[in-house]
Amino acid sequence: ACALGRSPPPPRAAVRCLAAGACFSAHLANVSYAEARGACHQRRGSLAWVTGEQELDLLLELLADAAVPAPAVFWVGLKRNASACTHNEQPLRGFSWEGVGGGTAPQEVPAALGRWLQEPLPSCSTARCAGLHLAPFPRGDRRWGWKE
């Protein structure tokens, strides 16, 4: 899976893999969600799924190693279709993970991953995308959250 962000490209793409075999790569470019999804598809992957804290930690480490300046937003495979509604009681607020080849990633996510920097607009009629937003934080740590 890959995450694309809106920053100047680094000299190389950063890659990290979990012991279970899933890999993440970061590719920095100023592109739309559709362009990011297409670029990941060309690399034989998909926009990243973050369905657990271990994956999130790995993705945040990957972005830190890529020397990504904060603030920055990265496209991940988080999307709400036009027929889906916003659900404030759910961690992903009605958004779901897009899968490889039109499939679907697991939808159950821990409540800890329900961190939104800004709540998504309530809607049941508009397709929306969300990205991983990184913000600077004191002592060099990074603050993160989903952003529509």
Protein backbone atom coordinates (compact mmCIF):
# COMPACT_ATOMS: atom_id res chain seq x y z
CA ALA A 1 0.00 0.00 0.00
CA CYS A 2 1.21 3.53 -0.51
CA ALA A 3 0.44 6.97 0.85
CA LEU A 4 0.78 10.04 -1.32
CA GLY A 5 1.17 13.50 0.14
CA ARG A 6 1.19 17.09 -1.01
CA SER A 7 4.88 17.97 -0.63
CA PRO A 8 7.93 18.14 -2.89
CA PRO A 9 9.16 14.62 -3.77
CA PRO A 10 11.98 13.19 -1.65
CA PRO A 11 15.12 11.83 -3.32
CA ARG A 12 13.79 8.29 -2.80
CA ALA A 13 10.61 6.54 -1.74
CA ALA A 14 10.58 5.27 1.83
CA VAL A 15 9.34 1.70 2.46
CA ARG A 16 8.43 -0.18 5.66
CA CYS A 17 7.01 -3.71 6.05
CA LEU A 18 5.22 -5.53 8.85
CA ALA A 19 6.38 -9.00 9.90
CA ALA A 20 3.07 -10.32 8.51
CA GLY A 21 4.19 -9.24 5.04
CA ALA A 22 2.16 -6.06 4.42
CA CYS A 23 4.33 -3.19 3.15
CA PHE A 24 3.83 0.56 3.07
CA SER A 25 5.64 3.09 0.90
CA ALA A 26 5.50 6.89 0.86
CA HIS A 27 5.55 8.81 -2.42
CA LEU A 28 5.34 12.57 -2.17
CA ALA A 29 3.50 14.49 -4.87
CA ASN A 30 0.89 17.23 -5.05
CA VAL A 31 -1.97 15.20 -6.57
CA SER A 32 -5.70 14.57 -6.18
CA TYR A 33 -7.13 11.48 -4.46
CA ALA A 34 -7.89 9.88 -7.84
CA GLU A 35 -4.36 10.60 -9.09
CA ALA A 36 -2.86 9.18 -5.89
CA ARG A 37 -4.95 6.03 -6.20
CA GLY A 38 -3.84 5.67 -9.85
CA ALA A 39 -0.17 6.19 -8.94
CA CYS A 40 -0.39 3.48 -6.27
CA HIS A 41 -2.14 1.16 -8.74
CA GLN A 42 0.71 1.71 -11.24
CA ARG A 43 3.08 0.56 -8.48
CA ARG A 44 0.94 -2.61 -8.09
CA GLY A 45 -0.49 -1.46 -4.77
CA SER A 46 -3.34 0.56 -3.37
CA LEU A 47 -3.74 3.54 -1.11
CA ALA A 48 -2.84 2.48 2.43
CA TRP A 49 -5.30 0.91 4.86
CA VAL A 50 -4.80 1.64 8.52
CA THR A 51 -6.89 -0.88 10.43
CA GLY A 52 -4.83 -1.17 13.62
CA GLU A 53 -2.42 0.72 15.82
CA GLN A 54 0.56 -1.37 14.63
CA GLU A 55 -0.08 -0.30 11.03
CA LEU A 56 -0.55 3.32 12.07
CA ASP A 57 2.73 3.31 14.04
CA LEU A 58 4.56 1.84 11.05
CA LEU A 59 3.05 4.41 8.67
CA LEU A 60 3.92 7.32 10.98
CA GLU A 61 7.49 5.96 11.32
CA LEU A 62 7.72 5.66 7.54
CA LEU A 63 6.62 9.26 7.03
CA ALA A 64 9.07 10.47 9.69
CA ASP A 65 11.91 8.57 7.97
CA ALA A 66 10.94 10.17 4.64
CA ALA A 67 11.65 13.53 6.33
CA VAL A 68 8.15 14.76 5.57
CA PRO A 69 7.68 18.35 6.73
CA ALA A 70 4.68 18.99 8.96
CA PRO A 71 1.97 19.98 8.48
CA ALA A 72 1.23 17.59 5.63
CA VAL A 73 -1.75 15.56 4.38
CA PHE A 74 -1.36 12.09 2.86
CA TRP A 75 -3.96 10.32 0.81
CA VAL A 76 -4.81 6.91 2.22
CA GLY A 77 -7.62 4.65 1.01
CA LEU A 78 -10.24 6.28 3.25
CA LYS A 79 -13.40 7.19 1.34
CA ARG A 80 -17.12 7.67 1.94
CA ASN A 81 -19.31 6.84 -1.04
CA ALA A 82 -22.18 9.14 -2.06
CA SER A 83 -24.74 6.63 -0.77
CA ALA A 84 -23.09 6.38 2.69
CA CYS A 85 -23.89 8.76 5.53
CA THR A 86 -21.69 10.40 8.12
CA HIS A 87 -21.90 8.47 11.42
CA ASN A 88 -20.33 10.43 14.27
CA GLU A 89 -20.58 7.44 16.64
CA GLN A 90 -18.22 5.33 14.47
CA PRO A 91 -14.41 5.72 14.55
CA LEU A 92 -14.23 6.25 10.77
CA ARG A 93 -17.44 8.35 10.73
CA GLY A 94 -18.99 6.30 7.90
CA PHE A 95 -15.83 6.29 5.79
CA SER A 96 -14.38 2.92 4.75
CA TRP A 97 -11.12 1.56 3.37
CA GLU A 98 -10.89 1.03 -0.38
CA GLY A 99 -9.36 -2.28 -1.34
CA VAL A 100 -7.06 -3.55 -4.06
CA GLY A 101 -8.84 -4.23 -7.35
CA GLY A 102 -12.16 -2.88 -6.11
CA GLY A 103 -12.19 -5.16 -3.05
CA THR A 104 -12.71 -3.94 0.46
CA ALA A 105 -10.41 -3.81 3.44
CA PRO A 106 -11.63 -4.85 6.90
CA GLN A 107 -14.04 -2.22 8.22
CA GLU A 108 -13.67 -2.85 11.95
CA VAL A 109 -11.10 -0.52 13.46
CA PRO A 110 -10.11 0.18 17.06
CA ALA A 111 -11.64 3.29 18.63
CA ALA A 112 -8.08 4.66 19.03
CA LEU A 113 -7.96 5.14 15.25
CA GLY A 114 -11.01 7.41 15.34
CA ARG A 115 -8.92 10.58 15.71
CA TRP A 116 -10.27 13.33 13.46
CA LEU A 117 -8.55 16.72 13.43
CA GLN A 118 -11.79 18.14 12.13
CA GLU A 119 -15.09 16.27 12.06
CA PRO A 120 -16.26 15.44 8.54
CA LEU A 121 -19.23 17.33 7.17
CA PRO A 122 -22.55 15.55 7.75
CA SER A 123 -23.82 14.19 4.45
CA CYS A 124 -25.58 11.23 2.85
CA SER A 125 -25.32 12.37 -0.76
CA THR A 126 -21.71 13.35 -1.53
CA ALA A 127 -18.66 11.13 -2.04
CA ARG A 128 -15.78 12.34 0.14
CA CYS A 129 -12.17 11.31 0.75
CA ALA A 130 -10.07 11.66 3.87
CA GLY A 131 -6.34 11.77 4.39
CA LEU A 132 -3.84 11.33 7.18
CA HIS A 133 -2.92 14.79 8.48
CA LEU A 134 0.39 15.26 10.29
CA ALA A 135 0.90 18.35 12.41
CA PRO A 136 3.99 19.56 14.27
CA PHE A 137 3.99 18.94 18.01
CA PRO A 138 6.38 20.07 20.77
CA ARG A 139 9.60 18.06 21.27
CA GLY A 140 9.63 16.78 17.68
CA ASP A 141 6.70 14.40 18.13
CA ARG A 142 4.01 14.29 15.48
CA ARG A 143 0.34 14.75 16.01
CA TRP A 144 -1.92 12.96 13.54
CA GLY A 145 -5.59 12.72 12.66
CA TRP A 146 -7.91 12.08 9.75
CA LYS A 147 -8.97 15.08 7.71
CA GLU A 148 -11.76 15.14 5.13
